[in-house]
Amino acid sequence: MTDAQRIEALLKHSGLNAKRFSVQIGLRHPDGIYHIRHGRNRISTKMADRIISAFPEIDKGWLLTGEGEMLRGAADRSMMALFGPTENGQLQRQPVPLYDFEAVAGLVPIFTNQNRPIDYISIPDLPRCDGAVYVRGDSMYPLLKSGDIVMYKQIQDYYNIIWGEMYLISFSYEGEEYITVKFIKKIEEHPDRVLLVSHNPHHAPKEIPVTAIRALAMVKASIRFNTMG
């Protein structure tokens, strides 16, 4: 199914014309939708995020690739019905999907919705989150320890970083792929590079180019288990 066909399917599902659909997803003008309908543009990740925000029942993987089903699974839809959005746009008890990134070899398949969550987490008044994963390693100890769960919000623009905040990051370095949680700090003299800083003083800061980042998300919350069962 092409991008144009998927947009047509979305319009049919929503019962809206292109102009009203554009307003619904927060666009000032319908040109972006028109261009996709006529095959001149693709559905971008940013456009997909707008659509998912307005229509959370739509599967993001299908939206970006055409694979799978347009509507999320029955379990997903029942969770969304149970913990739907409030009037102010925040989810009072949102179902945050919990993923196993080790099973899919990285964050990119998770961020592009290519695999299913292993469970859901629901916490009252939680800031809007895209997902959750288990922490591995001790680079953020004692703030975070191995086995903790972090809940995150994806960042699409790697140059739009809030400096000093904690991020879940996937990056390539000297031919190896790494997934870690770090504070990200600005390097004034090298705006095309960032400094990854651990909370654990035994881990030295690491400087990497922005282009090495493959996936990025701000850590919004964390969960720690203090007993084994």
Protein backbone atom coordinates (compact mmCIF):
# COMPACT_ATOMS: atom_id res chain seq x y z
CA MET A 1 0.00 0.00 0.00
CA THR A 2 1.42 3.39 -1.00
CA ASP A 3 1.55 6.50 1.18
CA ALA A 4 -1.27 8.00 -0.91
CA GLN A 5 -3.41 4.91 -0.37
CA ARG A 6 -2.76 4.98 3.37
CA ILE A 7 -3.84 8.63 3.56
CA GLU A 8 -7.02 7.75 1.67
CA ALA A 9 -7.66 4.93 4.14
CA LEU A 10 -7.15 7.36 7.04
CA LEU A 11 -9.59 9.88 5.56
CA LYS A 12 -12.17 7.13 5.14
CA HIS A 13 -11.58 5.90 8.69
CA SER A 14 -11.91 9.40 10.17
CA GLY A 15 -14.89 10.42 8.03
CA LEU A 16 -13.18 13.74 7.31
CA ASN A 17 -12.12 15.45 4.12
CA ALA A 18 -8.48 16.47 3.65
CA LYS A 19 -9.03 20.00 4.96
CA ARG A 20 -10.79 18.94 8.16
CA PHE A 21 -8.34 16.07 8.67
CA SER A 22 -5.47 18.56 8.47
CA VAL A 23 -7.08 20.73 11.13
CA GLN A 24 -7.65 17.67 13.31
CA ILE A 25 -3.93 16.78 13.28
CA GLY A 26 -2.84 20.36 13.92
CA LEU A 27 -1.86 21.57 10.44
CA ARG A 28 -2.68 25.14 9.41
CA HIS A 29 -3.04 24.21 5.74
CA PRO A 30 -4.07 20.97 3.98
CA ASP A 31 -1.24 21.20 1.42
CA GLY A 32 0.81 18.52 3.18
CA ILE A 33 -2.06 16.03 2.96
CA TYR A 34 -2.80 16.99 -0.67
CA HIS A 35 0.82 16.39 -1.67
CA ILE A 36 0.81 12.93 -0.09
CA ARG A 37 -2.54 12.06 -1.71
CA HIS A 38 -1.10 12.90 -5.13
CA GLY A 39 2.14 10.99 -4.60
CA ARG A 40 4.41 14.03 -4.38
CA ASN A 41 5.42 13.49 -0.74
CA ARG A 42 5.85 10.61 1.71
CA ILE A 43 4.39 10.34 5.20
CA SER A 44 7.18 11.69 7.40
CA THR A 45 7.83 10.64 10.99
CA LYS A 46 6.71 14.10 12.13
CA MET A 47 3.47 13.76 10.16
CA ALA A 48 2.95 10.28 11.59
CA ASP A 49 3.37 11.63 15.13
CA ARG A 50 0.71 14.27 14.44
CA ILE A 51 -1.69 11.64 13.13
CA ILE A 52 -1.07 9.24 16.03
CA SER A 53 -1.60 12.06 18.53
CA ALA A 54 -5.03 12.79 17.01
CA PHE A 55 -5.93 9.18 16.21
CA PRO A 56 -4.18 6.94 18.80
CA GLU A 57 -5.92 3.84 17.46
CA ILE A 58 -3.79 4.01 14.27
CA ASP A 59 -0.74 1.73 14.18
CA LYS A 60 2.41 3.79 13.61
CA GLY A 61 4.24 0.94 11.89
CA TRP A 62 1.47 0.63 9.32
CA LEU A 63 1.36 4.39 8.88
CA LEU A 64 5.08 4.63 8.06
CA THR A 65 5.63 1.38 6.15
CA GLY A 66 2.25 0.01 5.09
CA GLU A 67 3.00 -3.26 6.90
CA GLY A 68 0.52 -4.84 9.31
CA GLU A 69 -2.93 -3.46 10.07
CA MET A 70 -4.13 0.13 10.15
CA LEU A 71 -5.72 -0.21 13.58
CA ARG A 72 -3.75 -1.26 16.62
CA GLY A 73 -4.47 -4.70 18.12
CA ALA A 74 -7.55 -5.47 20.13
CA ALA A 75 -5.55 -5.37 23.37
CA ASP A 76 -4.15 -1.96 22.46
CA ARG A 77 -7.60 -0.60 21.63
CA SER A 78 -9.13 -1.90 24.86
CA MET A 79 -6.35 -0.27 26.85
CA MET A 80 -6.88 3.00 24.99
CA ALA A 81 -10.59 2.84 25.70
CA LEU A 82 -9.92 2.23 29.38
CA PHE A 83 -7.25 4.93 29.74
CA GLY A 84 -8.29 7.49 27.12
CA PRO A 85 -7.18 11.15 26.85
CA THR A 86 -8.65 13.82 29.08
CA GLU A 87 -9.99 17.15 27.84
CA ASN A 88 -6.71 19.00 28.41
CA GLY A 89 -4.86 16.62 26.07
CA GLN A 90 -2.95 14.77 28.78
CA LEU A 91 -3.58 11.13 29.53
CA GLN A 92 -4.79 10.78 33.09
CA ARG A 93 -3.92 7.05 33.15
CA GLN A 94 -2.16 6.37 29.90
CA PRO A 95 -1.10 2.82 28.99
CA VAL A 96 2.66 3.13 28.43
CA PRO A 97 3.96 0.19 26.36
CA LEU A 98 6.91 -1.66 27.89
CA TYR A 99 9.42 -2.97 25.33
CA ASP A 100 12.31 -5.41 25.40
CA PHE A 101 14.94 -3.65 23.26
CA GLU A 102 17.39 -6.51 23.69
CA ALA A 103 14.99 -8.85 21.88
CA VAL A 104 14.90 -6.60 18.81
CA ALA A 105 18.56 -5.50 18.86
CA GLY A 106 18.11 -1.81 19.51
CA LEU A 107 15.78 1.13 19.95
CA VAL A 108 15.15 1.91 16.29
CA PRO A 109 12.70 -1.01 15.76
CA ILE A 110 10.85 0.10 18.90
CA PHE A 111 10.73 3.77 17.91
CA THR A 112 9.42 2.88 14.44
CA ASN A 113 6.79 0.58 15.98
CA GLN A 114 8.13 -2.57 14.34
CA ASN A 115 7.56 -4.80 17.35
CA ARG A 116 4.88 -5.34 19.93
CA PRO A 117 5.21 -4.37 23.61
CA ILE A 118 5.67 -7.09 26.21
CA ASP A 119 3.31 -5.34 28.65
CA TYR A 120 1.82 -1.98 29.64
CA ILE A 121 2.45 0.36 32.58
CA SER A 122 -0.18 2.76 33.93
CA ILE A 123 0.60 5.48 36.48
CA PRO A 124 -1.82 8.33 37.35
CA ASP A 125 -0.88 11.83 36.14
CA LEU A 126 2.19 10.59 34.27
CA PRO A 127 3.59 13.02 31.66
CA ARG A 128 2.90 11.90 28.11
CA CYS A 129 5.28 9.05 27.24
CA ASP A 130 5.86 6.95 24.12
CA GLY A 131 7.19 3.84 25.81
CA ALA A 132 9.27 2.24 28.54
CA VAL A 133 12.33 -0.04 28.69
CA TYR A 134 14.46 -1.71 31.33
CA VAL A 135 17.78 -0.06 32.24
CA ARG A 136 20.94 -2.12 31.77
CA GLY A 137 24.32 -1.21 33.28
CA ASP A 138 25.40 1.12 36.08
CA SER A 139 26.37 4.34 34.27
CA MET A 140 23.59 6.30 36.03
CA TYR A 141 23.95 4.64 39.44
CA PRO A 142 22.72 5.47 42.08
CA LEU A 143 20.14 7.63 40.28
CA LEU A 144 19.23 4.58 38.18
CA LYS A 145 20.32 1.01 38.64
CA SER A 146 20.25 -2.04 36.38
CA GLY A 147 16.71 -3.43 36.29
CA ASP A 148 14.96 -0.09 36.75
CA ILE A 149 12.37 0.93 34.17
CA VAL A 150 12.58 4.30 32.41
CA MET A 151 9.66 5.85 30.57
CA TYR A 152 10.53 8.09 27.67
CA LYS A 153 9.28 10.61 25.10
CA GLN A 154 10.85 10.30 21.65
CA ILE A 155 12.86 13.19 20.19
CA GLN A 156 12.75 13.59 16.42
CA ASP A 157 15.11 16.56 16.00
CA TYR A 158 18.52 15.63 17.42
CA TYR A 159 19.56 19.30 17.34
CA ASN A 160 16.58 20.26 19.52
CA ILE A 161 17.99 18.90 22.77
CA ILE A 162 17.29 20.37 26.22
CA TRP A 163 20.84 20.44 27.55
CA GLY A 164 21.56 18.76 30.86
CA GLU A 165 18.46 16.55 30.80
CA MET A 166 18.54 12.74 30.98
CA TYR A 167 18.08 10.88 27.69
CA LEU A 168 17.75 7.34 26.44
CA ILE A 169 20.09 7.23 23.47
CA SER A 170 21.15 4.77 20.80
CA PHE A 171 24.32 5.70 18.92
CA SER A 172 27.11 4.22 16.83
CA TYR A 173 30.74 4.64 17.93
CA GLU A 174 33.79 3.19 16.22
CA GLY A 175 31.74 0.56 14.45
CA GLU A 176 29.78 -0.54 17.54
CA GLU A 177 26.18 0.15 18.50
CA TYR A 178 25.41 1.39 22.03
CA ILE A 179 22.20 1.94 23.98
CA THR A 180 22.47 3.86 27.22
CA VAL A 181 20.94 6.48 29.51
CA LYS A 182 23.01 9.65 29.85
CA PHE A 183 22.84 13.33 30.58
CA ILE A 184 23.46 15.20 27.33
CA LYS A 185 25.48 18.40 27.53
CA LYS A 186 26.33 21.02 24.94
CA ILE A 187 29.84 21.50 23.56
CA GLU A 188 30.00 25.22 22.81
CA GLU A 189 32.99 25.09 20.47
CA HIS A 190 31.58 22.09 18.54
CA PRO A 191 27.82 22.53 17.93
CA ASP A 192 27.82 19.39 15.75
CA ARG A 193 28.91 17.25 18.73
CA VAL A 194 27.43 16.43 22.16
CA LEU A 195 28.85 15.24 25.47
CA LEU A 196 27.33 12.15 27.09
CA VAL A 197 27.73 12.34 30.86
CA SER A 198 27.09 9.57 33.41
CA HIS A 199 25.81 10.05 36.95
CA ASN A 200 28.25 7.38 38.10
CA PRO A 201 31.66 9.11 38.50
CA HIS A 202 33.46 5.90 37.49
CA HIS A 203 32.22 6.38 33.91
CA ALA A 204 34.09 9.05 31.96
CA PRO A 205 32.14 11.49 29.72
CA LYS A 206 32.02 10.55 26.04
CA GLU A 207 31.94 13.02 23.15
CA ILE A 208 30.11 11.93 20.00
CA PRO A 209 28.93 13.65 16.78
CA VAL A 210 25.21 14.34 16.52
CA THR A 211 25.21 12.32 13.29
CA ALA A 212 26.13 9.20 15.31
CA ILE A 213 22.76 9.30 17.11
CA ARG A 214 20.34 6.67 15.77
CA ALA A 215 17.50 7.10 18.28
CA LEU A 216 16.87 9.58 21.08
CA ALA A 217 14.26 10.01 23.81
CA MET A 218 13.96 12.15 26.92
CA VAL A 219 13.54 10.18 30.15
CA LYS A 220 10.28 11.36 31.73
CA ALA A 221 9.97 8.94 34.68
CA SER A 222 11.49 5.86 36.25
CA ILE A 223 10.38 2.87 38.31
CA ARG A 224 12.52 0.92 40.77
CA PHE A 225 11.78 -2.45 42.35
CA ASN A 226 13.21 -2.74 45.85
CA THR A 227 12.43 -6.45 46.32
CA MET A 228 12.79 -9.50 44.11
CA GLY A 229 9.14 -10.50 44.27
